[in-house]
Amino acid sequence: MVASIDSLSYHKPALLKEVLTILKPRSNNNFVDATLGDGGHALAILDSTLPNGRLLGLDADDQGILRAFERLKKYEGRVCLKNYNFNKLEQAVSESQISPISGIIFDLGISSWQLDSADKGFSFKDQSLDMRFDSKQFTTALQLINTLEYKDLSSLIYKYGEDPNANRITRAIIKARPIINAQHLTEVIQIAVPRRGKKTNPATRTFQSLRIAVNNEMENLEYTLSSLMDFVTKGTKIVVIAYHSLEDRIVKNFMRKQSTDCLCPTSILVCQCNHTKKIELINKKVIKPSEEEILGNPRVRSARLRACVVI
């Protein structure tokens, strides 16, 4: 059950001013928020598209959808919310019959309430080690951490956490099994890789890698971006906010590919791929949060925004 709107503390949307500057939402424009979260971006877009602009909001987290509904219910009739992962974006657009779409935003971070939620296990506290955005998914982080073979677990932590200490951490985890909860895992990692000074908690990258694996984040992002070109129309703007190098690299490569006419190797003098550019980059240089925004919301410090428009 979701608390009343007055008692909810909402996540601050990252790079909101920059998002609105790029999307330029106007009266009666329609938009998609593919990662609705607490609805911060959606709220600002809906305010800017009065009186009849519509918004389709997606979120894989069933609790998140309920929170967003509480916040956006005053826009009833203009909002369509779906408890979908964004890998079902094309299906959601078709079902909602919202068109034409002026812009789509992906904010790939997780909300503050998710980090603090006792039943999610995203933080280092005494919490269940779940990490599923969608509670209907089968595999939890606790299952992965207690069942994966050494090679697979080490590879997961190195690949998705980019942690040079992956082997050492994996040996410590296997020795300490069964891992009970998030706090237990944190303590095991901190003993294996002691924290020095004010450096980031050594468990951070392992937690990140587990969350990414549990929710298939990289695969879903690659699939969704590649499928966008099948249904977006000329003039649709695409804005993506990433928070770590792996997902930002996927976004960067997608936009680079779709903004290029020929993908043939430079050694081939006459194009044979027949690829044509489908987008123009809006910002050739990645946009980062200002010092002022980071001061007011430290969790956005790693945010990176890239944007393009379909041509």
Protein backbone atom coordinates (compact mmCIF):
# COMPACT_ATOMS: atom_id res chain seq x y z
CA MET A 1 0.00 0.00 0.00
CA VAL A 2 1.31 3.48 -0.88
CA ALA A 3 1.27 6.24 1.73
CA SER A 4 -0.71 9.42 1.14
CA ILE A 5 0.91 11.89 -1.20
CA ASP A 6 1.58 14.30 1.66
CA SER A 7 3.74 11.73 3.47
CA LEU A 8 5.79 10.63 0.49
CA SER A 9 9.29 11.97 -0.01
CA TYR A 10 9.98 12.18 -3.73
CA HIS A 11 13.21 11.62 -5.60
CA LYS A 12 14.68 14.74 -7.24
CA PRO A 13 14.80 14.32 -11.03
CA ALA A 14 18.31 14.57 -12.45
CA LEU A 15 19.26 17.33 -14.89
CA LEU A 16 15.65 18.54 -15.03
CA LYS A 17 16.46 21.98 -16.42
CA GLU A 18 18.64 20.48 -19.14
CA VAL A 19 16.00 17.88 -20.04
CA LEU A 20 13.30 20.53 -20.45
CA THR A 21 15.64 22.75 -22.49
CA ILE A 22 16.22 19.89 -24.93
CA LEU A 23 12.69 18.50 -25.11
CA LYS A 24 11.04 21.95 -25.24
CA PRO A 25 7.62 20.58 -24.16
CA ARG A 26 4.79 22.79 -25.40
CA SER A 27 1.02 22.89 -25.27
CA ASN A 28 -0.55 19.64 -26.45
CA ASN A 29 2.77 17.82 -27.15
CA ASN A 30 2.92 14.10 -26.25
CA PHE A 31 5.86 12.47 -24.47
CA VAL A 32 7.06 9.14 -23.14
CA ASP A 33 8.88 8.72 -19.83
CA ALA A 34 10.36 5.24 -20.24
CA THR A 35 11.74 5.15 -16.68
CA LEU A 36 9.05 6.90 -14.69
CA GLY A 37 10.52 6.55 -11.20
CA ASP A 38 8.89 9.09 -8.89
CA GLY A 39 7.54 11.04 -11.84
CA GLY A 40 9.69 14.15 -11.45
CA HIS A 41 10.46 14.56 -15.14
CA ALA A 42 6.89 13.53 -16.02
CA LEU A 43 5.41 16.13 -13.67
CA ALA A 44 7.39 18.96 -15.25
CA ILE A 45 6.53 17.78 -18.77
CA LEU A 46 2.81 17.53 -17.99
CA ASP A 47 2.81 21.04 -16.52
CA SER A 48 4.41 22.31 -19.73
CA THR A 49 2.00 20.56 -22.12
CA LEU A 50 -1.33 21.82 -20.80
CA PRO A 51 -4.15 21.54 -21.58
CA ASN A 52 -4.19 18.37 -23.66
CA GLY A 53 -0.65 17.05 -23.97
CA ARG A 54 -0.43 13.39 -22.98
CA LEU A 55 2.29 11.33 -21.32
CA LEU A 56 2.98 7.60 -21.34
CA GLY A 57 4.95 6.50 -18.29
CA LEU A 58 6.67 3.13 -17.87
CA ASP A 59 8.37 1.60 -14.86
CA ALA A 60 9.41 -1.97 -14.16
CA ASP A 61 8.99 -1.45 -10.41
CA ASP A 62 5.43 -2.24 -9.33
CA GLN A 63 5.79 -0.15 -6.16
CA GLY A 64 7.23 2.70 -8.23
CA ILE A 65 4.18 2.81 -10.48
CA LEU A 66 1.92 3.19 -7.42
CA ARG A 67 4.06 6.04 -6.08
CA ALA A 68 4.01 7.80 -9.46
CA PHE A 69 0.24 7.32 -9.71
CA GLU A 70 -0.22 9.15 -6.40
CA ARG A 71 1.88 12.03 -7.62
CA LEU A 72 0.38 12.31 -11.10
CA LYS A 73 -3.28 11.49 -10.44
CA LYS A 74 -4.28 15.15 -10.78
CA TYR A 75 -3.46 14.76 -14.48
CA GLU A 76 -5.94 11.90 -14.91
CA GLY A 77 -7.03 11.64 -18.52
CA ARG A 78 -3.67 12.92 -19.77
CA VAL A 79 -1.49 10.17 -18.29
CA CYS A 80 -1.17 6.50 -19.15
CA LEU A 81 0.99 4.51 -16.70
CA LYS A 82 2.18 0.97 -17.33
CA ASN A 83 4.09 -1.42 -15.08
CA TYR A 84 6.40 -2.40 -17.95
CA ASN A 85 10.12 -2.58 -18.35
CA PHE A 86 11.14 -0.23 -21.14
CA ASN A 87 12.00 -3.26 -23.28
CA LYS A 88 8.22 -3.29 -23.95
CA LEU A 89 8.24 0.34 -25.08
CA GLU A 90 6.98 -0.29 -28.60
CA GLN A 91 4.12 -2.42 -27.23
CA ALA A 92 3.24 0.24 -24.65
CA VAL A 93 3.15 3.01 -27.28
CA SER A 94 0.88 0.91 -29.46
CA GLU A 95 -1.48 0.08 -26.58
CA SER A 96 -1.69 3.66 -25.32
CA GLN A 97 -2.41 5.08 -28.79
CA ILE A 98 -0.52 8.22 -27.80
CA SER A 99 0.78 9.91 -30.93
CA PRO A 100 2.58 11.69 -32.35
CA ILE A 101 5.38 11.47 -29.80
CA SER A 102 7.48 14.62 -29.42
CA GLY A 103 10.08 13.09 -27.14
CA ILE A 104 11.18 10.08 -25.09
CA ILE A 105 13.24 10.26 -21.92
CA PHE A 106 15.21 7.47 -20.25
CA ASP A 107 16.63 8.19 -16.79
CA LEU A 108 18.60 5.03 -16.07
CA GLY A 109 19.30 5.75 -12.41
CA ILE A 110 17.44 4.25 -9.48
CA SER A 111 15.29 6.40 -7.21
CA SER A 112 16.34 7.47 -3.73
CA TRP A 113 13.37 5.64 -2.21
CA GLN A 114 14.56 2.40 -3.88
CA LEU A 115 18.01 2.83 -2.37
CA ASP A 116 16.46 3.37 1.05
CA SER A 117 13.74 0.70 0.78
CA ALA A 118 14.20 -2.13 3.29
CA ASP A 119 12.81 -4.79 0.94
CA LYS A 120 14.97 -3.95 -2.09
CA GLY A 121 18.49 -4.51 -0.81
CA PHE A 122 20.12 -1.82 -2.95
CA SER A 123 21.96 -0.28 0.00
CA PHE A 124 24.50 -1.65 2.48
CA LYS A 125 22.05 -1.76 5.40
CA ASP A 126 20.46 -4.75 7.16
CA GLN A 127 18.11 -5.45 4.26
CA SER A 128 16.98 -8.41 2.20
CA LEU A 129 19.28 -8.87 -0.78
CA ASP A 130 16.57 -8.74 -3.44
CA MET A 131 17.39 -6.03 -6.02
CA ARG A 132 14.52 -6.88 -8.39
CA PHE A 133 12.79 -3.87 -9.91
CA ASP A 134 9.89 -6.14 -10.76
CA SER A 135 8.89 -8.40 -7.87
CA LYS A 136 7.41 -10.87 -10.38
CA GLN A 137 10.90 -11.74 -11.62
CA PHE A 138 12.22 -15.06 -10.37
CA THR A 139 15.92 -14.46 -9.62
CA THR A 140 17.08 -12.31 -6.71
CA ALA A 141 20.54 -11.01 -5.90
CA LEU A 142 20.62 -13.32 -2.87
CA GLN A 143 20.16 -16.33 -5.13
CA LEU A 144 22.93 -15.18 -7.48
CA ILE A 145 25.41 -14.45 -4.71
CA ASN A 146 24.85 -17.86 -3.08
CA THR A 147 24.62 -20.12 -6.14
CA LEU A 148 26.91 -18.83 -8.91
CA GLU A 149 30.15 -20.73 -9.51
CA TYR A 150 33.40 -18.90 -8.81
CA LYS A 151 34.14 -18.16 -12.49
CA ASP A 152 30.64 -16.84 -13.20
CA LEU A 153 30.41 -14.68 -10.08
CA SER A 154 33.87 -13.21 -10.58
CA SER A 155 33.08 -12.47 -14.22
CA LEU A 156 29.81 -10.79 -13.26
CA ILE A 157 31.47 -8.51 -10.69
CA TYR A 158 34.29 -7.62 -13.09
CA LYS A 159 32.08 -7.08 -16.14
CA TYR A 160 29.22 -5.11 -14.60
CA GLY A 161 31.06 -3.58 -11.65
CA GLU A 162 34.38 -3.01 -13.46
CA ASP A 163 36.02 -3.98 -10.17
CA PRO A 164 39.73 -4.92 -10.36
CA ASN A 165 39.29 -6.77 -7.06
CA ALA A 166 36.62 -9.10 -8.46
CA ASN A 167 38.59 -12.31 -7.86
CA ARG A 168 39.46 -11.43 -4.27
CA ILE A 169 35.87 -10.42 -3.52
CA THR A 170 34.49 -13.60 -5.10
CA ARG A 171 36.79 -15.83 -3.03
CA ALA A 172 35.65 -14.07 0.15
CA ILE A 173 31.97 -14.41 -0.77
CA ILE A 174 32.22 -18.12 -1.52
CA LYS A 175 34.10 -18.73 1.73
CA ALA A 176 31.43 -16.83 3.70
CA ARG A 177 28.41 -18.55 2.12
CA PRO A 178 25.56 -18.60 2.81
CA ILE A 179 25.30 -14.81 2.55
CA ILE A 180 22.28 -13.74 4.64
CA ASN A 181 21.49 -10.16 3.62
CA ALA A 182 22.89 -6.90 2.23
CA GLN A 183 24.72 -5.96 5.41
CA HIS A 184 26.38 -9.38 5.62
CA LEU A 185 27.59 -9.10 2.01
CA THR A 186 28.92 -5.60 2.68
CA GLU A 187 30.88 -6.77 5.72
CA VAL A 188 32.40 -9.71 3.80
CA ILE A 189 33.57 -7.42 1.01
CA GLN A 190 34.92 -4.78 3.39
CA ILE A 191 37.07 -7.41 5.12
CA ALA A 192 38.35 -8.70 1.76
CA VAL A 193 39.02 -5.20 0.40
CA PRO A 194 39.46 -2.79 3.34
CA ARG A 195 38.18 0.74 2.90
CA ARG A 196 40.89 3.39 2.93
CA GLY A 197 40.12 6.95 3.96
CA LYS A 198 37.11 8.58 2.29
CA LYS A 199 37.11 6.29 -0.72
CA THR A 200 33.86 4.80 -2.00
CA ASN A 201 32.60 1.79 -0.07
CA PRO A 202 34.40 -1.25 -1.58
CA ALA A 203 31.04 -3.07 -1.83
CA THR A 204 29.61 -0.45 -4.21
CA ARG A 205 30.70 -2.10 -7.45
CA THR A 206 29.57 -5.57 -6.38
CA PHE A 207 26.13 -4.24 -5.48
CA GLN A 208 25.98 -2.44 -8.84
CA SER A 209 26.94 -5.59 -10.72
CA LEU A 210 24.29 -7.67 -8.93
CA ARG A 211 21.56 -5.11 -9.62
CA ILE A 212 22.50 -4.97 -13.31
CA ALA A 213 22.52 -8.76 -13.62
CA VAL A 214 19.27 -9.35 -11.72
CA ASN A 215 17.38 -6.86 -13.90
CA ASN A 216 19.16 -7.57 -17.22
CA GLU A 217 19.81 -3.84 -17.46
CA MET A 218 22.45 -3.81 -20.19
CA GLU A 219 20.61 -6.28 -22.44
CA ASN A 220 17.31 -4.39 -22.03
CA LEU A 221 18.98 -1.07 -22.83
CA GLU A 222 20.71 -2.36 -25.97
CA TYR A 223 17.53 -4.02 -27.21
CA THR A 224 15.32 -1.01 -26.54
CA LEU A 225 17.61 1.54 -28.16
CA SER A 226 18.04 -0.62 -31.27
CA SER A 227 14.27 -1.14 -31.57
CA LEU A 228 13.47 2.58 -31.24
CA MET A 229 14.24 3.17 -34.90
CA ASP A 230 11.40 0.79 -35.84
CA PHE A 231 8.63 3.02 -34.51
CA VAL A 232 9.78 6.56 -33.71
CA THR A 233 8.94 9.24 -36.27
CA LYS A 234 10.68 12.29 -37.68
CA GLY A 235 11.14 15.02 -35.10
CA THR A 236 11.00 12.75 -32.03
CA LYS A 237 13.70 13.67 -29.52
CA ILE A 238 15.43 10.97 -27.48
CA VAL A 239 17.08 11.89 -24.19
CA VAL A 240 19.07 9.36 -22.14
CA ILE A 241 20.61 9.94 -18.71
CA ALA A 242 23.18 7.28 -17.75
CA TYR A 243 25.04 6.87 -14.48
CA HIS A 244 27.98 4.60 -15.14
CA SER A 245 30.36 3.92 -17.97
CA LEU A 246 28.81 0.67 -19.20
CA GLU A 247 25.36 2.06 -19.92
CA ASP A 248 26.75 5.38 -21.16
CA ARG A 249 28.94 3.47 -23.62
CA ILE A 250 25.87 1.66 -24.98
CA VAL A 251 24.04 4.97 -25.42
CA LYS A 252 27.05 6.65 -27.01
CA ASN A 253 27.59 3.78 -29.48
CA PHE A 254 23.90 3.71 -30.41
CA MET A 255 23.81 7.43 -31.15
CA ARG A 256 27.12 7.35 -33.00
CA LYS A 257 25.90 4.50 -35.22
CA GLN A 258 22.48 6.01 -35.96
CA SER A 259 23.96 9.44 -36.73
CA THR A 260 26.35 8.01 -39.35
CA ASP A 261 25.62 7.30 -43.02
CA CYS A 262 28.13 4.55 -43.71
CA LEU A 263 29.40 1.93 -41.25
CA CYS A 264 31.83 0.21 -43.61
CA PRO A 265 35.51 -0.04 -42.59
CA THR A 266 37.62 2.86 -43.88
CA SER A 267 39.49 0.41 -46.12
CA ILE A 268 36.33 -0.01 -48.24
CA LEU A 269 36.18 2.89 -50.70
CA VAL A 270 32.59 2.38 -51.89
CA CYS A 271 29.87 1.88 -49.27
CA GLN A 272 28.46 -1.64 -49.17
CA CYS A 273 26.42 -1.52 -45.95
CA ASN A 274 23.73 0.85 -47.28
CA HIS A 275 23.27 2.24 -43.78
CA THR A 276 21.75 5.72 -43.64
CA LYS A 277 21.76 8.09 -40.69
CA LYS A 278 18.49 8.26 -38.82
CA ILE A 279 19.25 10.83 -36.12
CA GLU A 280 21.09 14.09 -35.51
CA LEU A 281 22.94 14.58 -32.26
CA ILE A 282 21.56 17.43 -30.18
CA ASN A 283 24.57 17.62 -27.89
CA LYS A 284 27.84 16.34 -29.32
CA LYS A 285 29.45 16.70 -25.90
CA VAL A 286 27.95 14.83 -22.96
CA ILE A 287 26.02 17.02 -20.49
CA LYS A 288 26.89 16.70 -16.80
CA PRO A 289 25.13 18.10 -13.71
CA SER A 290 26.27 21.48 -12.40
CA GLU A 291 28.15 21.83 -9.14
CA GLU A 292 25.05 23.50 -7.73
CA GLU A 293 22.86 20.50 -8.59
CA ILE A 294 25.38 18.03 -7.16
CA LEU A 295 25.51 20.04 -3.94
CA GLY A 296 21.72 19.82 -3.59
CA ASN A 297 21.48 16.21 -4.78
CA PRO A 298 24.81 14.32 -4.45
CA ARG A 299 23.36 11.16 -6.02
CA VAL A 300 23.36 12.81 -9.47
CA ARG A 301 27.11 13.42 -9.52
CA SER A 302 27.76 10.61 -12.03
CA ALA A 303 24.84 11.49 -14.36
CA ARG A 304 25.63 11.84 -18.07
CA LEU A 305 23.04 13.11 -20.56
CA ARG A 306 23.04 12.43 -24.31
CA ALA A 307 20.30 13.49 -26.72
CA CYS A 308 19.36 13.22 -30.37
CA VAL A 309 16.46 13.91 -32.73
CA VAL A 310 15.04 11.58 -35.38
CA ILE A 311 15.41 12.94 -38.92
